[in-house]
Amino acid sequence: MAHVITLKSGRNEMVFDLRDLLCLVDKHMGYEARRLLEELMEPDESEEYIAYLEKDADERRKHYKDVMRQLREQSEAIASLIREKEVDRKKLSAAAGAIGVLTWRELNV
């Protein structure tokens, strides 16, 4: 689709695409104005950064839920062992040790 642009001089120019408009800007305003317009039209790098941050946040959320699930499993195992008539100290120690390993890993990563 063509557009007619009337210049300050009164002359009409046909613009068919962005390249035509950039040529007019270059011709009547100079190369620096053209480069500025081209830079302003470039994709915003912050969109890529935001997408990266959102992906990172999702991965951290999944990791957090996985760690919390593991901690819950171990705490339920400890609660179950405590309810037993005879305490199996090896199993209780293993469950507590697993919690220690999980928390140490998370605090030192």
PDB file of N, CA and C in Angstrom:
ATOM      1  N   MET A   1       0.850  -1.168   0.000  1.00  0.00           N
ATOM      2  CA  MET A   1       0.000   0.000   0.000  1.00  0.00           C
ATOM      3  C   MET A   1       0.896   1.233   0.000  1.00  0.00           C
ATOM      4  N   ALA A   2       0.579   2.179  -0.827  1.00  0.00           N
ATOM      5  CA  ALA A   2       1.383   3.393  -0.958  1.00  0.00           C
ATOM      6  C   ALA A   2       0.800   4.507  -0.101  1.00  0.00           C
ATOM      7  N   HIS A   3       1.692   5.323   0.411  1.00  0.00           N
ATOM      8  CA  HIS A   3       1.306   6.490   1.197  1.00  0.00           C
ATOM      9  C   HIS A   3       1.918   7.713   0.535  1.00  0.00           C
ATOM     10  N   VAL A   4       1.176   8.797   0.560  1.00  0.00           N
ATOM     11  CA  VAL A   4       1.689  10.058   0.032  1.00  0.00           C
ATOM     12  C   VAL A   4       2.079  10.925   1.211  1.00  0.00           C
ATOM     13  N   ILE A   5       3.324  11.382   1.182  1.00  0.00           N
ATOM     14  CA  ILE A   5       3.826  12.264   2.228  1.00  0.00           C
ATOM     15  C   ILE A   5       4.134  13.605   1.576  1.00  0.00           C
ATOM     16  N   THR A   6       3.585  14.637   2.177  1.00  0.00           N
ATOM     17  CA  THR A   6       3.855  15.987   1.690  1.00  0.00           C
ATOM     18  C   THR A   6       5.007  16.564   2.502  1.00  0.00           C
ATOM     19  N   LEU A   7       6.082  16.911   1.804  1.00  0.00           N
ATOM     20  CA  LEU A   7       7.247  17.483   2.466  1.00  0.00           C
ATOM     21  C   LEU A   7       6.991  18.937   2.810  1.00  0.00           C
ATOM     22  N   LYS A   8       7.829  19.500   3.647  1.00  0.00           N
ATOM     23  CA  LYS A   8       7.697  20.889   4.073  1.00  0.00           C
ATOM     24  C   LYS A   8       7.738  21.835   2.875  1.00  0.00           C
ATOM     25  N   SER A   9       8.443  21.448   1.835  1.00  0.00           N
ATOM     26  CA  SER A   9       8.554  22.270   0.626  1.00  0.00           C
ATOM     27  C   SER A   9       7.275  22.252  -0.200  1.00  0.00           C
ATOM     28  N   GLY A  10       6.335  21.367   0.166  1.00  0.00           N
ATOM     29  CA  GLY A  10       5.088  21.228  -0.585  1.00  0.00           C
ATOM     30  C   GLY A  10       5.129  20.100  -1.589  1.00  0.00           C
ATOM     31  N   ARG A  11       6.267  19.517  -1.778  1.00  0.00           N
ATOM     32  CA  ARG A  11       6.429  18.426  -2.733  1.00  0.00           C
ATOM     33  C   ARG A  11       5.875  17.131  -2.150  1.00  0.00           C
ATOM     34  N   ASN A  12       5.164  16.352  -2.963  1.00  0.00           N
ATOM     35  CA  ASN A  12       4.601  15.070  -2.543  1.00  0.00           C
ATOM     36  C   ASN A  12       5.566  13.945  -2.893  1.00  0.00           C
ATOM     37  N   GLU A  13       5.714  13.027  -1.966  1.00  0.00           N
ATOM     38  CA  GLU A  13       6.568  11.850  -2.169  1.00  0.00           C
ATOM     39  C   GLU A  13       5.742  10.596  -1.890  1.00  0.00           C
ATOM     40  N   MET A  14       5.943   9.572  -2.711  1.00  0.00           N
ATOM     41  CA  MET A  14       5.263   8.289  -2.519  1.00  0.00           C
ATOM     42  C   MET A  14       6.160   7.385  -1.658  1.00  0.00           C
ATOM     43  N   VAL A  15       5.560   6.796  -0.639  1.00  0.00           N
ATOM     44  CA  VAL A  15       6.273   5.876   0.237  1.00  0.00           C
ATOM     45  C   VAL A  15       5.551   4.532   0.174  1.00  0.00           C
ATOM     46  N   PHE A  16       6.267   3.532  -0.332  1.00  0.00           N
ATOM     47  CA  PHE A  16       5.670   2.204  -0.477  1.00  0.00           C
ATOM     48  C   PHE A  16       6.019   1.275   0.686  1.00  0.00           C
ATOM     49  N   ASP A  17       7.179   1.514   1.270  1.00  0.00           N
ATOM     50  CA  ASP A  17       7.593   0.659   2.376  1.00  0.00           C
ATOM     51  C   ASP A  17       8.537   1.432   3.292  1.00  0.00           C
ATOM     52  N   LEU A  18       9.011   0.752   4.286  1.00  0.00           N
ATOM     53  CA  LEU A  18       9.888   1.373   5.272  1.00  0.00           C
ATOM     54  C   LEU A  18      11.185   1.871   4.645  1.00  0.00           C
ATOM     55  N   ARG A  19      11.702   1.123   3.713  1.00  0.00           N
ATOM     56  CA  ARG A  19      12.944   1.534   3.043  1.00  0.00           C
ATOM     57  C   ARG A  19      12.782   2.890   2.369  1.00  0.00           C
ATOM     58  N   ASP A  20      11.631   3.123   1.697  1.00  0.00           N
ATOM     59  CA  ASP A  20      11.369   4.419   1.060  1.00  0.00           C
ATOM     60  C   ASP A  20      11.348   5.542   2.096  1.00  0.00           C
ATOM     61  N   LEU A  21      10.711   5.275   3.228  1.00  0.00           N
ATOM     62  CA  LEU A  21      10.644   6.290   4.278  1.00  0.00           C
ATOM     63  C   LEU A  21      12.034   6.602   4.823  1.00  0.00           C
ATOM     64  N   LEU A  22      12.839   5.567   5.031  1.00  0.00           N
ATOM     65  CA  LEU A  22      14.198   5.773   5.520  1.00  0.00           C
ATOM     66  C   LEU A  22      15.037   6.574   4.521  1.00  0.00           C
ATOM     67  N   CYS A  23      14.840   6.333   3.242  1.00  0.00           N
ATOM     68  CA  CYS A  23      15.561   7.112   2.220  1.00  0.00           C
ATOM     69  C   CYS A  23      15.162   8.578   2.270  1.00  0.00           C
ATOM     70  N   LEU A  24      13.878   8.841   2.464  1.00  0.00           N
ATOM     71  CA  LEU A  24      13.427  10.235   2.571  1.00  0.00           C
ATOM     72  C   LEU A  24      14.012  10.912   3.811  1.00  0.00           C
ATOM     73  N   VAL A  25      14.019  10.208   4.914  1.00  0.00           N
ATOM     74  CA  VAL A  25      14.598  10.768   6.137  1.00  0.00           C
ATOM     75  C   VAL A  25      16.080  11.054   5.909  1.00  0.00           C
ATOM     76  N   ASP A  26      16.783  10.126   5.301  1.00  0.00           N
ATOM     77  CA  ASP A  26      18.207  10.308   5.009  1.00  0.00           C
ATOM     78  C   ASP A  26      18.427  11.516   4.102  1.00  0.00           C
ATOM     79  N   LYS A  27      17.614  11.628   3.072  1.00  0.00           N
ATOM     80  CA  LYS A  27      17.763  12.711   2.085  1.00  0.00           C
ATOM     81  C   LYS A  27      17.445  14.089   2.671  1.00  0.00           C
ATOM     82  N   HIS A  28      16.420  14.177   3.514  1.00  0.00           N
ATOM     83  CA  HIS A  28      15.949  15.483   3.985  1.00  0.00           C
ATOM     84  C   HIS A  28      16.380  15.817   5.412  1.00  0.00           C
ATOM     85  N   MET A  29      16.761  14.802   6.199  1.00  0.00           N
ATOM     86  CA  MET A  29      17.149  15.076   7.583  1.00  0.00           C
ATOM     87  C   MET A  29      18.590  14.661   7.880  1.00  0.00           C
ATOM     88  N   GLY A  30      19.149  13.805   7.043  1.00  0.00           N
ATOM     89  CA  GLY A  30      20.525  13.390   7.236  1.00  0.00           C
ATOM     90  C   GLY A  30      20.650  11.959   7.725  1.00  0.00           C
ATOM     91  N   TYR A  31      21.873  11.476   7.583  1.00  0.00           N
ATOM     92  CA  TYR A  31      22.174  10.093   7.917  1.00  0.00           C
ATOM     93  C   TYR A  31      21.951   9.796   9.395  1.00  0.00           C
ATOM     94  N   GLU A  32      22.304  10.735  10.269  1.00  0.00           N
ATOM     95  CA  GLU A  32      22.146  10.506  11.708  1.00  0.00           C
ATOM     96  C   GLU A  32      20.682  10.293  12.076  1.00  0.00           C
ATOM     97  N   ALA A  33      19.792  11.057  11.473  1.00  0.00           N
ATOM     98  CA  ALA A  33      18.358  10.895  11.734  1.00  0.00           C
ATOM     99  C   ALA A  33      17.882   9.527  11.251  1.00  0.00           C
ATOM    100  N   ARG A  34      18.387   9.113  10.090  1.00  0.00           N
ATOM    101  CA  ARG A  34      18.018   7.793   9.567  1.00  0.00           C
ATOM    102  C   ARG A  34      18.489   6.698  10.520  1.00  0.00           C
ATOM    103  N   ARG A  35      19.743   6.761  10.978  1.00  0.00           N
ATOM    104  CA  ARG A  35      20.271   5.746  11.886  1.00  0.00           C
ATOM    105  C   ARG A  35      19.483   5.703  13.193  1.00  0.00           C
ATOM    106  N   LEU A  36      19.124   6.893  13.710  1.00  0.00           N
ATOM    107  CA  LEU A  36      18.331   6.940  14.942  1.00  0.00           C
ATOM    108  C   LEU A  36      16.986   6.259  14.738  1.00  0.00           C
ATOM    109  N   LEU A  37      16.346   6.536  13.622  1.00  0.00           N
ATOM    110  CA  LEU A  37      15.052   5.911  13.324  1.00  0.00           C
ATOM    111  C   LEU A  37      15.205   4.397  13.198  1.00  0.00           C
ATOM    112  N   GLU A  38      16.274   3.952  12.539  1.00  0.00           N
ATOM    113  CA  GLU A  38      16.516   2.511  12.419  1.00  0.00           C
ATOM    114  C   GLU A  38      16.742   1.870  13.786  1.00  0.00           C
ATOM    115  N   GLU A  39      17.501   2.536  14.651  1.00  0.00           N
ATOM    116  CA  GLU A  39      17.750   2.006  15.992  1.00  0.00           C
ATOM    117  C   GLU A  39      16.461   1.922  16.808  1.00  0.00           C
ATOM    118  N   LEU A  40      15.617   2.937  16.668  1.00  0.00           N
ATOM    119  CA  LEU A  40      14.355   2.941  17.412  1.00  0.00           C
ATOM    120  C   LEU A  40      13.420   1.834  16.946  1.00  0.00           C
ATOM    121  N   MET A  41      13.585   1.405  15.707  1.00  0.00           N
ATOM    122  CA  MET A  41      12.708   0.369  15.150  1.00  0.00           C
ATOM    123  C   MET A  41      13.233  -1.038  15.417  1.00  0.00           C
ATOM    124  N   GLU A  42      14.475  -1.162  15.856  1.00  0.00           N
ATOM    125  CA  GLU A  42      15.035  -2.487  16.131  1.00  0.00           C
ATOM    126  C   GLU A  42      14.288  -3.133  17.295  1.00  0.00           C
ATOM    127  N   PRO A  43      14.233  -4.466  17.279  1.00  0.00           N
ATOM    128  CA  PRO A  43      13.555  -5.153  18.395  1.00  0.00           C
ATOM    129  C   PRO A  43      14.210  -4.790  19.718  1.00  0.00           C
ATOM    130  N   ASP A  44      13.390  -4.656  20.706  1.00  0.00           N
ATOM    131  CA  ASP A  44      13.864  -4.285  22.039  1.00  0.00           C
ATOM    132  C   ASP A  44      14.517  -5.493  22.703  1.00  0.00           C
ATOM    133  N   GLU A  45      15.789  -5.361  23.042  1.00  0.00           N
ATOM    134  CA  GLU A  45      16.505  -6.456  23.687  1.00  0.00           C
ATOM    135  C   GLU A  45      15.941  -6.766  25.064  1.00  0.00           C
ATOM    136  N   SER A  46      15.278  -5.792  25.675  1.00  0.00           N
ATOM    137  CA  SER A  46      14.728  -6.035  27.007  1.00  0.00           C
ATOM    138  C   SER A  46      13.622  -7.092  26.964  1.00  0.00           C
ATOM    139  N   GLU A  47      12.966  -7.245  25.818  1.00  0.00           N
ATOM    140  CA  GLU A  47      11.949  -8.300  25.695  1.00  0.00           C
ATOM    141  C   GLU A  47      12.600  -9.672  25.845  1.00  0.00           C
ATOM    142  N   GLU A  48      13.772  -9.845  25.230  1.00  0.00           N
ATOM    143  CA  GLU A  48      14.489 -11.110  25.357  1.00  0.00           C
ATOM    144  C   GLU A  48      14.924 -11.329  26.808  1.00  0.00           C
ATOM    145  N   TYR A  49      15.371 -10.269  27.449  1.00  0.00           N
ATOM    146  CA  TYR A  49      15.824 -10.372  28.830  1.00  0.00           C
ATOM    147  C   TYR A  49      14.655 -10.726  29.751  1.00  0.00           C
ATOM    148  N   ILE A  50      13.504 -10.122  29.509  1.00  0.00           N
ATOM    149  CA  ILE A  50      12.316 -10.423  30.305  1.00  0.00           C
ATOM    150  C   ILE A  50      11.921 -11.884  30.116  1.00  0.00           C
ATOM    151  N   ALA A  51      11.972 -12.373  28.873  1.00  0.00           N
ATOM    152  CA  ALA A  51      11.649 -13.780  28.604  1.00  0.00           C
ATOM    153  C   ALA A  51      12.632 -14.696  29.338  1.00  0.00           C
ATOM    154  N   TYR A  52      13.918 -14.307  29.340  1.00  0.00           N
ATOM    155  CA  TYR A  52      14.926 -15.088  30.063  1.00  0.00           C
ATOM    156  C   TYR A  52      14.617 -15.115  31.560  1.00  0.00           C
ATOM    157  N   LEU A  53      14.278 -13.950  32.120  1.00  0.00           N
ATOM    158  CA  LEU A  53      13.971 -13.876  33.553  1.00  0.00           C
ATOM    159  C   LEU A  53      12.741 -14.702  33.904  1.00  0.00           C
ATOM    160  N   GLU A  54      11.721 -14.671  33.037  1.00  0.00           N
ATOM    161  CA  GLU A  54      10.510 -15.456  33.294  1.00  0.00           C
ATOM    162  C   GLU A  54      10.817 -16.950  33.267  1.00  0.00           C
ATOM    163  N   LYS A  55      11.649 -17.368  32.311  1.00  0.00           N
ATOM    164  CA  LYS A  55      12.026 -18.784  32.233  1.00  0.00           C
ATOM    165  C   LYS A  55      12.818 -19.182  33.469  1.00  0.00           C
ATOM    166  N   ASP A  56      13.751 -18.320  33.874  1.00  0.00           N
ATOM    167  CA  ASP A  56      14.554 -18.590  35.065  1.00  0.00           C
ATOM    168  C   ASP A  56      13.669 -18.688  36.306  1.00  0.00           C
ATOM    169  N   ALA A  57      12.704 -17.787  36.429  1.00  0.00           N
ATOM    170  CA  ALA A  57      11.797 -17.808  37.576  1.00  0.00           C
ATOM    171  C   ALA A  57      10.976 -19.104  37.591  1.00  0.00           C
ATOM    172  N   ASP A  58      10.523 -19.557  36.423  1.00  0.00           N
ATOM    173  CA  ASP A  58       9.771 -20.813  36.343  1.00  0.00           C
ATOM    174  C   ASP A  58      10.633 -21.996  36.786  1.00  0.00           C
ATOM    175  N   GLU A  59      11.882 -22.018  36.314  1.00  0.00           N
ATOM    176  CA  GLU A  59      12.781 -23.106  36.695  1.00  0.00           C
ATOM    177  C   GLU A  59      13.049 -23.096  38.195  1.00  0.00           C
ATOM    178  N   ARG A  60      13.229 -21.909  38.770  1.00  0.00           N
ATOM    179  CA  ARG A  60      13.466 -21.812  40.216  1.00  0.00           C
ATOM    180  C   ARG A  60      12.233 -22.249  41.005  1.00  0.00           C
ATOM    181  N   ARG A  61      11.045 -21.878  40.511  1.00  0.00           N
ATOM    182  CA  ARG A  61       9.804 -22.267  41.173  1.00  0.00           C
ATOM    183  C   ARG A  61       9.656 -23.795  41.166  1.00  0.00           C
ATOM    184  N   LYS A  62       9.954 -24.429  40.024  1.00  0.00           N
ATOM    185  CA  LYS A  62       9.868 -25.889  39.929  1.00  0.00           C
ATOM    186  C   LYS A  62      10.871 -26.546  40.873  1.00  0.00           C
ATOM    187  N   HIS A  63      12.076 -25.999  40.909  1.00  0.00           N
ATOM    188  CA  HIS A  63      13.106 -26.547  41.796  1.00  0.00           C
ATOM    189  C   HIS A  63      12.673 -26.416  43.259  1.00  0.00           C
ATOM    190  N   TYR A  64      12.159 -25.244  43.620  1.00  0.00           N
ATOM    191  CA  TYR A  64      11.690 -24.999  44.992  1.00  0.00           C
ATOM    192  C   TYR A  64      10.622 -26.014  45.380  1.00  0.00           C
ATOM    193  N   LYS A  65       9.647 -26.232  44.474  1.00  0.00           N
ATOM    194  CA  LYS A  65       8.575 -27.186  44.781  1.00  0.00           C
ATOM    195  C   LYS A  65       9.118 -28.601  44.923  1.00  0.00           C
ATOM    196  N   ASP A  66      10.098 -28.962  44.091  1.00  0.00           N
ATOM    197  CA  ASP A  66      10.694 -30.290  44.177  1.00  0.00           C
ATOM    198  C   ASP A  66      11.408 -30.477  45.509  1.00  0.00           C
ATOM    199  N   VAL A  67      12.181 -29.483  45.918  1.00  0.00           N
ATOM    200  CA  VAL A  67      12.887 -29.563  47.199  1.00  0.00           C
ATOM    201  C   VAL A  67      11.891 -29.633  48.347  1.00  0.00           C
ATOM    202  N   MET A  68      10.854 -28.826  48.297  1.00  0.00           N
ATOM    203  CA  MET A  68       9.847 -28.841  49.360  1.00  0.00           C
ATOM    204  C   MET A  68       9.136 -30.201  49.418  1.00  0.00           C
ATOM    205  N   ARG A  69       8.893 -30.805  48.255  1.00  0.00           N
ATOM    206  CA  ARG A  69       8.265 -32.131  48.214  1.00  0.00           C
ATOM    207  C   ARG A  69       9.175 -33.160  48.878  1.00  0.00           C
ATOM    208  N   GLN A  70      10.471 -33.092  48.579  1.00  0.00           N
ATOM    209  CA  GLN A  70      11.430 -34.028  49.185  1.00  0.00           C
ATOM    210  C   GLN A  70      11.503 -33.835  50.700  1.00  0.00           C
ATOM    211  N   LEU A  71      11.510 -32.581  51.130  1.00  0.00           N
ATOM    212  CA  LEU A  71      11.543 -32.318  52.576  1.00  0.00           C
ATOM    213  C   LEU A  71      10.284 -32.840  53.256  1.00  0.00           C
ATOM    214  N   ARG A  72       9.145 -32.647  52.601  1.00  0.00           N
ATOM    215  CA  ARG A  72       7.888 -33.135  53.171  1.00  0.00           C
ATOM    216  C   ARG A  72       7.906 -34.658  53.299  1.00  0.00           C
ATOM    217  N   GLU A  73       8.400 -35.342  52.273  1.00  0.00           N
ATOM    218  CA  GLU A  73       8.478 -36.808  52.326  1.00  0.00           C
ATOM    219  C   GLU A  73       9.326 -37.263  53.514  1.00  0.00           C
ATOM    220  N   GLN A  74      10.456 -36.599  53.713  1.00  0.00           N
ATOM    221  CA  GLN A  74      11.340 -36.985  54.817  1.00  0.00           C
ATOM    222  C   GLN A  74      10.714 -36.659  56.166  1.00  0.00           C
ATOM    223  N   SER A  75      10.045 -35.515  56.268  1.00  0.00           N
ATOM    224  CA  SER A  75       9.421 -35.166  57.553  1.00  0.00           C
ATOM    225  C   SER A  75       8.261 -36.109  57.857  1.00  0.00           C
ATOM    226  N   GLU A  76       7.532 -36.547  56.820  1.00  0.00           N
ATOM    227  CA  GLU A  76       6.464 -37.527  57.040  1.00  0.00           C
ATOM    228  C   GLU A  76       7.053 -38.865  57.476  1.00  0.00           C
ATOM    229  N   ALA A  77       8.203 -39.219  56.908  1.00  0.00           N
ATOM    230  CA  ALA A  77       8.861 -40.471  57.314  1.00  0.00           C
ATOM    231  C   ALA A  77       9.275 -40.393  58.776  1.00  0.00           C
ATOM    232  N   ILE A  78       9.812 -39.260  59.191  1.00  0.00           N
ATOM    233  CA  ILE A  78      10.206 -39.081  60.595  1.00  0.00           C
ATOM    234  C   ILE A  78       8.982 -39.159  61.502  1.00  0.00           C
ATOM    235  N   ALA A  79       7.899 -38.476  61.102  1.00  0.00           N
ATOM    236  CA  ALA A  79       6.675 -38.499  61.912  1.00  0.00           C
ATOM    237  C   ALA A  79       6.150 -39.925  62.038  1.00  0.00           C
ATOM    238  N   SER A  80       6.210 -40.675  60.959  1.00  0.00           N
ATOM    239  CA  SER A  80       5.753 -42.066  60.982  1.00  0.00           C
ATOM    240  C   SER A  80       6.622 -42.915  61.909  1.00  0.00           C
ATOM    241  N   LEU A  81       7.921 -42.698  61.848  1.00  0.00           N
ATOM    242  CA  LEU A  81       8.832 -43.463  62.715  1.00  0.00           C
ATOM    243  C   LEU A  81       8.621 -43.125  64.177  1.00  0.00           C
ATOM    244  N   ILE A  82       8.346 -41.881  64.476  1.00  0.00           N
ATOM    245  CA  ILE A  82       8.126 -41.460  65.869  1.00  0.00           C
ATOM    246  C   ILE A  82       6.849 -42.104  66.421  1.00  0.00           C
ATOM    247  N   ARG A  83       5.838 -42.311  65.576  1.00  0.00           N
ATOM    248  CA  ARG A  83       4.575 -42.900  66.042  1.00  0.00           C
ATOM    249  C   ARG A  83       4.691 -44.401  66.338  1.00  0.00           C
ATOM    250  N   GLU A  84       5.746 -45.027  65.837  1.00  0.00           N
ATOM    251  CA  GLU A  84       5.937 -46.464  66.069  1.00  0.00           C
ATOM    252  C   GLU A  84       6.218 -46.713  67.558  1.00  0.00           C
ATOM    253  N   LYS A  85       5.836 -47.907  68.028  1.00  0.00           N
ATOM    254  CA  LYS A  85       6.090 -48.264  69.433  1.00  0.00           C
ATOM    255  C   LYS A  85       7.576 -48.298  69.720  1.00  0.00           C
ATOM    256  N   GLU A  86       8.301 -48.916  68.829  1.00  0.00           N
ATOM    257  CA  GLU A  86       9.753 -48.987  69.000  1.00  0.00           C
ATOM    258  C   GLU A  86      10.397 -48.104  67.939  1.00  0.00           C
ATOM    259  N   VAL A  87      11.252 -47.234  68.386  1.00  0.00           N
ATOM    260  CA  VAL A  87      11.905 -46.296  67.475  1.00  0.00           C
ATOM    261  C   VAL A  87      13.060 -46.991  66.767  1.00  0.00           C
ATOM    262  N   ASP A  88      13.016 -46.953  65.434  1.00  0.00           N
ATOM    263  CA  ASP A  88      14.118 -47.489  64.628  1.00  0.00           C
ATOM    264  C   ASP A  88      15.103 -46.347  64.401  1.00  0.00           C
ATOM    265  N   ARG A  89      16.113 -46.331  65.234  1.00  0.00           N
ATOM    266  CA  ARG A  89      17.053 -45.199  65.218  1.00  0.00           C
ATOM    267  C   ARG A  89      17.785 -45.065  63.876  1.00  0.00           C
ATOM    268  N   LYS A  90      18.060 -46.159  63.193  1.00  0.00           N
ATOM    269  CA  LYS A  90      18.749 -46.090  61.898  1.00  0.00           C
ATOM    270  C   LYS A  90      17.881 -45.391  60.856  1.00  0.00           C
ATOM    271  N   LYS A  91      16.604 -45.781  60.797  1.00  0.00           N
ATOM    272  CA  LYS A  91      15.697 -45.157  59.837  1.00  0.00           C
ATOM    273  C   LYS A  91      15.464 -43.687  60.182  1.00  0.00           C
ATOM    274  N   LEU A  92      15.320 -43.412  61.476  1.00  0.00           N
ATOM    275  CA  LEU A  92      15.124 -42.024  61.917  1.00  0.00           C
ATOM    276  C   LEU A  92      16.346 -41.178  61.577  1.00  0.00           C
ATOM    277  N   SER A  93      17.512 -41.721  61.803  1.00  0.00           N
ATOM    278  CA  SER A  93      18.753 -41.017  61.495  1.00  0.00           C
ATOM    279  C   SER A  93      18.894 -40.805  59.987  1.00  0.00           C
ATOM    280  N   ALA A  94      18.512 -41.811  59.186  1.00  0.00           N
ATOM    281  CA  ALA A  94      18.609 -41.687  57.725  1.00  0.00           C
ATOM    282  C   ALA A  94      17.693 -40.586  57.207  1.00  0.00           C
ATOM    283  N   ALA A  95      16.465 -40.518  57.733  1.00  0.00           N
ATOM    284  CA  ALA A  95      15.513 -39.488  57.303  1.00  0.00           C
ATOM    285  C   ALA A  95      16.004 -38.092  57.704  1.00  0.00           C
ATOM    286  N   ALA A  96      16.502 -37.977  58.939  1.00  0.00           N
ATOM    287  CA  ALA A  96      17.035 -36.693  59.396  1.00  0.00           C
ATOM    288  C   ALA A  96      18.271 -36.313  58.580  1.00  0.00           C
ATOM    289  N   GLY A  97      19.096 -37.296  58.269  1.00  0.00           N
ATOM    290  CA  GLY A  97      20.281 -37.053  57.443  1.00  0.00           C
ATOM    291  C   GLY A  97      19.906 -36.576  56.045  1.00  0.00           C
ATOM    292  N   ALA A  98      18.846 -37.155  55.477  1.00  0.00           N
ATOM    293  CA  ALA A  98      18.387 -36.746  54.140  1.00  0.00           C
ATOM    294  C   ALA A  98      17.939 -35.285  54.156  1.00  0.00           C
ATOM    295  N   ILE A  99      17.262 -34.894  55.231  1.00  0.00           N
ATOM    296  CA  ILE A  99      16.854 -33.491  55.366  1.00  0.00           C
ATOM    297  C   ILE A  99      18.095 -32.600  55.479  1.00  0.00           C
ATOM    298  N   GLY A 100      19.064 -33.043  56.239  1.00  0.00           N
ATOM    299  CA  GLY A 100      20.314 -32.288  56.378  1.00  0.00           C
ATOM    300  C   GLY A 100      21.016 -32.112  55.037  1.00  0.00           C
ATOM    301  N   VAL A 101      21.063 -33.177  54.241  1.00  0.00           N
ATOM    302  CA  VAL A 101      21.708 -33.109  52.925  1.00  0.00           C
ATOM    303  C   VAL A 101      20.957 -32.135  52.016  1.00  0.00           C
ATOM    304  N   LEU A 102      19.625 -32.230  51.995  1.00  0.00           N
ATOM    305  CA  LEU A 102      18.823 -31.329  51.154  1.00  0.00           C
ATOM    306  C   LEU A 102      19.030 -29.868  51.531  1.00  0.00           C
ATOM    307  N   THR A 103      18.962 -29.595  52.831  1.00  0.00           N
ATOM    308  CA  THR A 103      19.097 -28.204  53.260  1.00  0.00           C
ATOM    309  C   THR A 103      20.513 -27.692  53.053  1.00  0.00           C
ATOM    310  N   TRP A 104      21.529 -28.522  53.291  1.00  0.00           N
ATOM    311  CA  TRP A 104      22.913 -28.099  53.062  1.00  0.00           C
ATOM    312  C   TRP A 104      23.121 -27.770  51.584  1.00  0.00           C
ATOM    313  N   ARG A 105      22.630 -28.634  50.708  1.00  0.00           N
ATOM    314  CA  ARG A 105      22.775 -28.428  49.254  1.00  0.00           C
ATOM    315  C   ARG A 105      22.120 -27.115  48.828  1.00  0.00           C
ATOM    316  N   GLU A 106      20.929 -26.858  49.322  1.00  0.00           N
ATOM    317  CA  GLU A 106      20.209 -25.639  48.932  1.00  0.00           C
ATOM    318  C   GLU A 106      20.887 -24.376  49.471  1.00  0.00           C
ATOM    319  N   LEU A 107      21.436 -24.466  50.658  1.00  0.00           N
ATOM    320  CA  LEU A 107      22.088 -23.302  51.257  1.00  0.00           C
ATOM    321  C   LEU A 107      23.454 -23.033  50.637  1.00  0.00           C
ATOM    322  N   ASN A 108      24.070 -24.036  50.028  1.00  0.00           N
ATOM    323  CA  ASN A 108      25.425 -23.882  49.497  1.00  0.00           C
ATOM    324  C   ASN A 108      25.503 -23.891  47.982  1.00  0.00           C
ATOM    325  N   VAL A 109      24.402 -23.759  47.322  1.00  0.00           N
ATOM    326  CA  VAL A 109      24.413 -23.719  45.844  1.00  0.00           C
ATOM    327  C   VAL A 109      24.546 -22.305  45.387  1.00  0.00           C
TER     328      VAL A 109
END
